């Protein structure tokens, strides 16, 4: 698919250093996204935990909800919502604080990996919630919706709220103006969910005096209605599916070398492979755009095939049932009739 003469080895990845990673991958991502015709982008920032079984560089004990006490890495990731692709990714040590290096990561994403692209909305989980990040997004004139950590000062403000607006059965909304860490006043949207009516609702139970309610809170610099802000943030949940697919189908958790920067290089090459596969799904498969790699492996890639000479040309012969041949021919036709720039502007 990418015309590699041979598969990269450990020696290849061992050539990568921090400076080389910072030079190669932002430029590679910028070149890739320059091949796409895009409208205003929605960028989702998130972090995840990758468990490690050894003492590789950077693997250390930190927040690890699935394997408590195990060493891990704690990477940062940025996704383009419209294209279901990865805009940028950094590997971090496992004991890194949730908000560590977040501003620098955002700067590289916007100014290098997505240089020349218009960003219409930034969404981020609560790990990015701090005054430095919000001030940076305000300075860059970027619209954002960010989940809020329920610090005691936030909880005390939520406790005093009155006049909740009922959105649906078991869901109420409210808003307040609040200053975090002596920063400027910002708009906060609060969602209260009644557990007995919506037992699977997200959020946290905050007050002993009000059992049976879960609360979620978001900060934004947008003036849209309460329900629209909440709905816009909720669609961000798709990036969790992207992380799950990267781990299960693309081996995100399996490539780990002793050297930290070699591991990060393999980690970021996986993102490149994921983007190529997303491009293939979108333009070659059409209605199968959401098919996972494990599904595509069975239907598209793991097929019996051989080459033969015909009319002085090398021909690829694929073993397929007659019913599936038109479908496969359609894929090759889509590929041959598609060339950069790839148009996502109507997505």
Protein backbone atom coordinates (compact mmCIF):
# COMPACT_ATOMS: atom_id res chain seq x y z
CA UNK A 1 0.00 0.00 0.00
CA UNK A 2 2.86 2.40 0.78
CA UNK A 3 5.45 0.68 -1.47
CA UNK A 4 7.97 -0.13 1.26
CA UNK A 5 10.86 -2.31 0.10
CA UNK A 6 11.16 -3.84 3.56
CA UNK A 7 9.62 -3.55 7.00
CA UNK A 8 11.45 -1.14 9.37
CA UNK A 9 13.46 -2.84 12.11
CA UNK A 10 14.42 -1.89 15.66
CA UNK A 11 17.64 -0.40 14.25
CA UNK A 12 15.59 1.96 12.08
CA UNK A 13 13.53 3.26 15.01
CA UNK A 14 16.66 3.53 17.14
CA UNK A 15 17.88 6.33 14.86
CA UNK A 16 15.12 8.64 16.07
CA UNK A 17 15.76 11.22 18.79
CA UNK A 18 13.68 13.97 20.35
CA UNK A 19 14.94 16.56 17.89
CA UNK A 20 14.39 14.28 14.89
CA UNK A 21 10.87 13.38 16.01
CA UNK A 22 10.03 17.08 16.45
CA UNK A 23 11.39 17.79 12.98
CA UNK A 24 9.96 14.88 10.99
CA UNK A 25 6.45 14.20 12.24
CA UNK A 26 4.89 17.71 12.32
CA UNK A 27 6.20 18.29 8.79
CA UNK A 28 4.89 14.89 7.68
CA UNK A 29 1.46 15.61 9.16
CA UNK A 30 1.39 19.06 7.56
CA UNK A 31 2.20 17.57 4.15
CA UNK A 32 -0.51 14.94 4.61
CA UNK A 33 -3.25 17.42 5.53
CA UNK A 34 -2.17 19.70 2.68
CA UNK A 35 -3.32 16.88 0.36
CA UNK A 36 -6.88 17.23 1.73
CA UNK A 37 -9.45 19.87 0.89
CA UNK A 38 -11.03 20.68 4.24
CA UNK A 39 -13.50 23.15 5.65
CA UNK A 40 -13.38 24.52 9.19
CA UNK A 41 -12.03 21.76 11.44
CA UNK A 42 -13.16 20.51 14.82
CA UNK A 43 -10.10 19.34 16.77
CA UNK A 44 -10.51 16.99 19.73
CA UNK A 45 -7.72 16.77 22.31
CA UNK A 46 -7.47 13.75 24.56
CA UNK A 47 -5.01 11.61 26.48
CA UNK A 48 -4.86 7.89 27.14
CA UNK A 49 -2.87 5.36 29.14
CA UNK A 50 -0.75 2.62 27.56
CA UNK A 51 0.26 -0.11 30.02
CA UNK A 52 3.85 -1.38 29.78
CA UNK A 53 5.26 -4.65 31.06
CA UNK A 54 8.89 -3.79 31.70
CA UNK A 55 11.22 -0.96 32.58
CA UNK A 56 11.46 0.83 29.26
CA UNK A 57 12.45 4.49 29.27
CA UNK A 58 9.53 6.68 30.29
CA UNK A 59 7.41 3.79 31.54
CA UNK A 60 6.60 4.50 35.17
CA UNK A 61 3.82 4.22 37.69
CA UNK A 62 1.14 6.85 37.37
CA UNK A 63 -2.56 7.12 36.65
CA UNK A 64 -3.58 3.74 35.22
CA UNK A 65 -7.25 2.87 35.82
CA UNK A 66 -7.10 -0.53 34.08
CA UNK A 67 -3.83 -1.90 35.49
CA UNK A 68 -3.26 -0.17 38.81
CA UNK A 69 0.36 -0.14 39.89
CA UNK A 70 1.69 -1.10 36.45
CA UNK A 71 4.17 0.99 34.52
CA UNK A 72 2.68 2.98 31.67
CA UNK A 73 3.07 5.77 29.15
CA UNK A 74 0.60 8.67 29.10
CA UNK A 75 0.39 10.05 25.52
CA UNK A 76 -1.42 13.12 24.20
CA UNK A 77 -3.49 12.91 21.01
CA UNK A 78 -5.35 15.32 18.75
CA UNK A 79 -8.06 14.16 16.32
CA UNK A 80 -9.75 15.81 13.34
CA UNK A 81 -13.42 15.07 13.89
CA UNK A 82 -14.57 15.50 10.27
CA UNK A 83 -12.02 13.08 8.79
CA UNK A 84 -11.69 10.61 11.70
CA UNK A 85 -7.91 11.13 11.54
CA UNK A 86 -5.08 11.89 13.95
CA UNK A 87 -3.73 15.44 13.69
CA UNK A 88 -0.87 15.00 16.15
CA UNK A 89 0.38 12.71 18.92
CA UNK A 90 3.06 12.88 21.62
CA UNK A 91 4.29 10.16 23.92
CA UNK A 92 4.76 11.13 27.59
CA UNK A 93 6.14 9.28 30.65
CA UNK A 94 3.59 7.43 32.73
CA UNK A 95 3.99 9.64 35.80
CA UNK A 96 3.30 12.85 33.85
CA UNK A 97 0.59 15.13 35.21
CA UNK A 98 -2.53 15.27 33.06
CA UNK A 99 -1.98 18.89 31.97
CA UNK A 100 1.81 18.65 31.48
CA UNK A 101 3.05 19.91 28.06
CA UNK A 102 -0.54 20.44 26.85
CA UNK A 103 0.04 24.00 25.66
CA UNK A 104 3.19 23.04 23.75
CA UNK A 105 1.31 20.12 22.19
CA UNK A 106 -1.51 22.42 21.08
CA UNK A 107 0.94 24.91 19.62
CA UNK A 108 2.65 22.24 17.53
CA UNK A 109 -0.73 20.92 16.39
CA UNK A 110 -2.11 24.27 15.24
CA UNK A 111 1.06 25.97 13.98
CA UNK A 112 2.84 23.01 12.37
CA UNK A 113 0.81 19.83 11.87
CA UNK A 114 -2.29 21.80 10.81
CA UNK A 115 -0.55 24.89 9.49
CA UNK A 116 -2.72 26.60 6.89
CA UNK A 117 -5.91 24.86 8.06
CA UNK A 118 -8.88 26.71 9.56
CA UNK A 119 -9.88 25.51 13.03
CA UNK A 120 -13.51 26.21 13.86
CA UNK A 121 -13.80 24.48 17.23
CA UNK A 122 -11.51 22.95 19.86
CA UNK A 123 -12.85 20.33 22.27
CA UNK A 124 -10.84 18.84 25.12
CA UNK A 125 -11.28 16.60 28.14
CA UNK A 126 -10.76 17.76 31.72
CA UNK A 127 -7.05 16.92 31.63
CA UNK A 128 -6.55 20.10 29.59
CA UNK A 129 -8.55 22.26 32.00
CA UNK A 130 -6.27 24.95 33.38
CA UNK A 131 -5.90 28.71 33.05
CA UNK A 132 -2.82 28.49 30.82
CA UNK A 133 -4.64 26.44 28.17
CA UNK A 134 -7.79 28.55 28.23
CA UNK A 135 -5.78 31.78 28.00
CA UNK A 136 -3.81 30.39 25.07
CA UNK A 137 -6.99 29.46 23.17
CA UNK A 138 -8.42 32.93 23.88
CA UNK A 139 -5.22 34.55 22.58
CA UNK A 140 -5.42 32.48 19.39
CA UNK A 141 -9.10 33.45 18.96
CA UNK A 142 -10.14 29.80 18.86
CA UNK A 143 -13.62 28.67 19.88
CA UNK A 144 -13.50 25.95 22.54
CA UNK A 145 -15.59 23.71 24.76
CA UNK A 146 -13.67 21.98 27.52
CA UNK A 147 -14.68 19.58 30.28
CA UNK A 148 -14.08 21.02 33.76
CA UNK A 149 -12.45 19.30 36.71
CA UNK A 150 -14.75 19.55 39.71
CA UNK A 151 -12.35 21.36 42.04
CA UNK A 152 -13.80 22.48 45.43
CA UNK A 153 -14.18 26.08 44.25
CA UNK A 154 -16.15 24.91 41.19
CA UNK A 155 -18.33 22.64 43.35
CA UNK A 156 -19.16 25.48 45.73
CA UNK A 157 -20.32 27.64 42.82
CA UNK A 158 -22.43 24.82 41.39
CA UNK A 159 -24.03 24.23 44.80
CA UNK A 160 -25.39 27.78 44.85
CA UNK A 161 -27.04 27.66 41.42
CA UNK A 162 -30.80 28.22 41.12
CA UNK A 163 -33.33 28.23 38.29
CA UNK A 164 -32.29 25.06 36.49
CA UNK A 165 -33.67 24.63 32.95
CA UNK A 166 -35.26 21.27 32.18
CA UNK A 167 -34.00 19.90 28.87
CA UNK A 168 -35.51 16.40 28.96
CA UNK A 169 -36.76 13.92 31.52
CA UNK A 170 -34.00 13.60 34.12
CA UNK A 171 -31.73 16.26 32.57
CA UNK A 172 -31.43 19.90 33.67
CA UNK A 173 -29.05 22.64 32.52
CA UNK A 174 -27.65 25.79 34.08
CA UNK A 175 -24.82 28.25 33.55
CA UNK A 176 -22.59 30.54 35.59
CA UNK A 177 -19.71 32.96 35.16
CA UNK A 178 -16.61 31.83 37.05
CA UNK A 179 -12.90 32.70 37.25
CA UNK A 180 -10.49 29.78 37.51
CA UNK A 181 -7.08 30.33 39.18
CA UNK A 182 -7.63 34.11 39.25
CA UNK A 183 -8.09 34.11 35.48
CA UNK A 184 -10.64 36.11 33.58
CA UNK A 185 -14.36 35.34 34.06
CA UNK A 186 -15.62 32.65 31.70
CA UNK A 187 -18.90 30.96 30.87
CA UNK A 188 -19.53 27.56 32.49
CA UNK A 189 -22.30 25.17 31.44
CA UNK A 190 -23.53 22.66 34.04
CA UNK A 191 -25.54 19.52 33.29
CA UNK A 192 -27.43 17.75 36.12
CA UNK A 193 -28.70 14.22 35.51
CA UNK A 194 -31.09 12.25 37.72
CA UNK A 195 -29.62 8.79 38.27
CA UNK A 196 -32.82 6.82 38.84
CA UNK A 197 -34.20 8.07 35.51
CA UNK A 198 -30.86 7.91 33.63
CA UNK A 199 -28.77 5.27 35.42
CA UNK A 200 -26.09 5.20 32.70
CA UNK A 201 -25.58 8.96 32.58
CA UNK A 202 -22.03 10.24 32.94
CA UNK A 203 -20.81 12.74 35.49
CA UNK A 204 -20.07 12.71 39.21
CA UNK A 205 -22.22 12.79 42.31
CA UNK A 206 -21.00 15.94 44.05
CA UNK A 207 -23.21 16.61 47.07
CA UNK A 208 -24.25 14.36 49.94
CA UNK A 209 -27.25 16.61 50.50
CA UNK A 210 -28.41 15.91 46.94
CA UNK A 211 -27.95 12.18 46.39
CA UNK A 212 -29.10 10.66 43.13
CA UNK A 213 -27.76 13.40 40.83
CA UNK A 214 -24.68 13.41 38.64
CA UNK A 215 -23.09 16.60 37.40
CA UNK A 216 -20.96 17.49 34.38
CA UNK A 217 -19.44 20.90 33.76
CA UNK A 218 -17.98 22.57 30.64
CA UNK A 219 -16.26 25.89 30.05
CA UNK A 220 -16.61 27.71 26.73
CA UNK A 221 -16.03 31.06 25.07
CA UNK A 222 -19.05 30.63 22.79
CA UNK A 223 -22.43 32.33 23.18
CA UNK A 224 -24.60 29.51 21.87
CA UNK A 225 -27.62 28.13 23.81
CA UNK A 226 -26.96 25.73 26.69
CA UNK A 227 -28.29 22.61 25.00
CA UNK A 228 -26.35 23.32 21.80
CA UNK A 229 -23.06 23.66 23.71
CA UNK A 230 -23.68 20.34 25.47
CA UNK A 231 -24.67 18.56 22.24
CA UNK A 232 -21.60 19.90 20.44
CA UNK A 233 -19.33 18.53 23.14
CA UNK A 234 -21.07 15.15 23.30
CA UNK A 235 -20.14 14.28 19.72
CA UNK A 236 -16.52 14.39 20.88
CA UNK A 237 -17.03 10.90 22.34
CA UNK A 238 -16.15 9.44 18.92
CA UNK A 239 -12.45 10.07 19.58
CA UNK A 240 -12.64 7.44 22.33
CA UNK A 241 -13.59 4.97 19.60
CA UNK A 242 -10.56 6.07 17.58
CA UNK A 243 -8.26 5.39 20.55
CA UNK A 244 -9.88 2.00 21.08
CA UNK A 245 -9.39 1.12 17.41
CA UNK A 246 -5.75 2.24 17.52
CA UNK A 247 -5.13 -0.05 20.47
CA UNK A 248 -7.03 -3.08 19.25
CA UNK A 249 -6.37 -3.04 15.49
CA UNK A 250 -3.20 -1.00 14.99
CA UNK A 251 -1.10 -2.37 17.85
CA UNK A 252 -0.71 0.97 19.64
CA UNK A 253 0.05 -0.79 22.92
CA UNK A 254 2.41 -3.38 21.42
CA UNK A 255 5.23 -1.32 19.92
CA UNK A 256 7.59 -0.49 22.76
CA UNK A 257 11.36 -0.24 22.58
CA UNK A 258 13.87 0.42 25.34
CA UNK A 259 14.64 3.91 24.09
CA UNK A 260 11.84 6.44 24.76
CA UNK A 261 12.24 8.42 21.54
CA UNK A 262 12.39 5.26 19.44
CA UNK A 263 9.11 4.20 21.04
CA UNK A 264 7.61 7.61 20.29
CA UNK A 265 8.72 7.32 16.66
CA UNK A 266 6.93 3.97 16.28
CA UNK A 267 3.93 5.45 18.13
CA UNK A 268 3.71 8.37 15.69
CA UNK A 269 4.24 6.17 12.63
CA UNK A 270 1.18 4.20 13.75
CA UNK A 271 -0.78 7.46 13.52
CA UNK A 272 0.44 7.91 9.95
CA UNK A 273 -0.72 4.38 9.10
CA UNK A 274 -4.08 5.07 10.74
CA UNK A 275 -4.56 8.22 8.64
CA UNK A 276 -3.73 6.36 5.44
CA UNK A 277 -6.27 3.70 6.32
CA UNK A 278 -8.88 6.38 7.07
CA UNK A 279 -8.22 7.89 3.66
CA UNK A 280 -8.63 4.46 2.06
CA UNK A 281 -11.87 3.82 3.89
CA UNK A 282 -13.35 7.18 2.95
CA UNK A 283 -12.58 7.30 -0.78
CA UNK A 284 -12.22 3.64 -1.75
CA UNK A 285 -14.93 2.00 0.33
CA UNK A 286 -17.64 4.69 0.34
CA UNK A 287 -20.45 3.15 2.40
CA UNK A 288 -17.94 1.04 4.39
CA UNK A 289 -16.20 4.13 5.77
CA UNK A 290 -16.62 3.01 9.38
CA UNK A 291 -15.30 -0.52 8.84
CA UNK A 292 -12.53 -1.39 11.29
CA UNK A 293 -9.12 -2.62 10.21
CA UNK A 294 -9.89 -6.13 11.48
CA UNK A 295 -12.94 -6.22 9.18
CA UNK A 296 -11.00 -4.83 6.23
CA UNK A 297 -8.23 -7.35 6.81
CA UNK A 298 -10.68 -10.18 6.13
CA UNK A 299 -12.55 -8.57 3.25
CA UNK A 300 -9.83 -6.59 1.44
CA UNK A 301 -6.29 -7.55 2.42
CA UNK A 302 -5.99 -11.16 3.61
CA UNK A 303 -6.94 -12.62 0.24
CA UNK A 304 -5.29 -15.32 -1.82
CA UNK A 305 -3.51 -13.72 -4.76
CA UNK A 306 -0.73 -14.32 -7.28
CA UNK A 307 0.86 -12.53 -10.20
CA UNK A 308 0.88 -13.67 -13.80
CA UNK A 309 2.13 -12.32 -17.10
CA UNK A 310 -0.49 -11.36 -19.67
CA UNK A 311 0.20 -9.44 -22.89
CA UNK A 312 3.65 -8.51 -21.60
CA UNK A 313 2.12 -7.05 -18.46
CA UNK A 314 2.24 -8.27 -14.89
CA UNK A 315 -1.31 -8.93 -13.71
CA UNK A 316 -2.51 -9.42 -10.14
CA UNK A 317 -4.98 -12.27 -9.82
CA UNK A 318 -7.10 -12.36 -6.67
CA UNK A 319 -9.05 -15.38 -5.49
CA UNK A 320 -12.58 -14.11 -4.87
CA UNK A 321 -16.10 -15.58 -5.06
CA UNK A 322 -17.92 -14.33 -8.14
CA UNK A 323 -20.43 -12.37 -6.02
CA UNK A 324 -17.66 -10.24 -4.46
CA UNK A 325 -15.72 -9.49 -7.64
CA UNK A 326 -17.80 -6.43 -8.67
CA UNK A 327 -17.28 -5.01 -5.18
CA UNK A 328 -13.51 -5.46 -5.39
CA UNK A 329 -13.43 -4.04 -8.92
CA UNK A 330 -15.30 -1.01 -7.58
CA UNK A 331 -12.58 -0.44 -4.98
CA UNK A 332 -9.84 -0.47 -7.63
CA UNK A 333 -11.94 1.87 -9.81
CA UNK A 334 -12.41 4.32 -6.91
CA UNK A 335 -8.67 4.30 -6.24
CA UNK A 336 -7.69 4.83 -9.88
CA UNK A 337 -10.15 7.70 -10.31
CA UNK A 338 -9.13 9.54 -7.13
CA UNK A 339 -6.17 11.87 -6.75
CA UNK A 340 -5.11 14.74 -4.46
CA UNK A 341 -6.46 17.02 -3.23
CA UNK A 342 -8.97 14.73 -1.53
CA UNK A 343 -12.17 16.65 -0.93
CA UNK A 344 -13.65 16.56 2.58
CA UNK A 345 -15.13 20.05 2.39
CA UNK A 346 -18.73 18.76 2.39
CA UNK A 347 -18.29 16.55 5.44
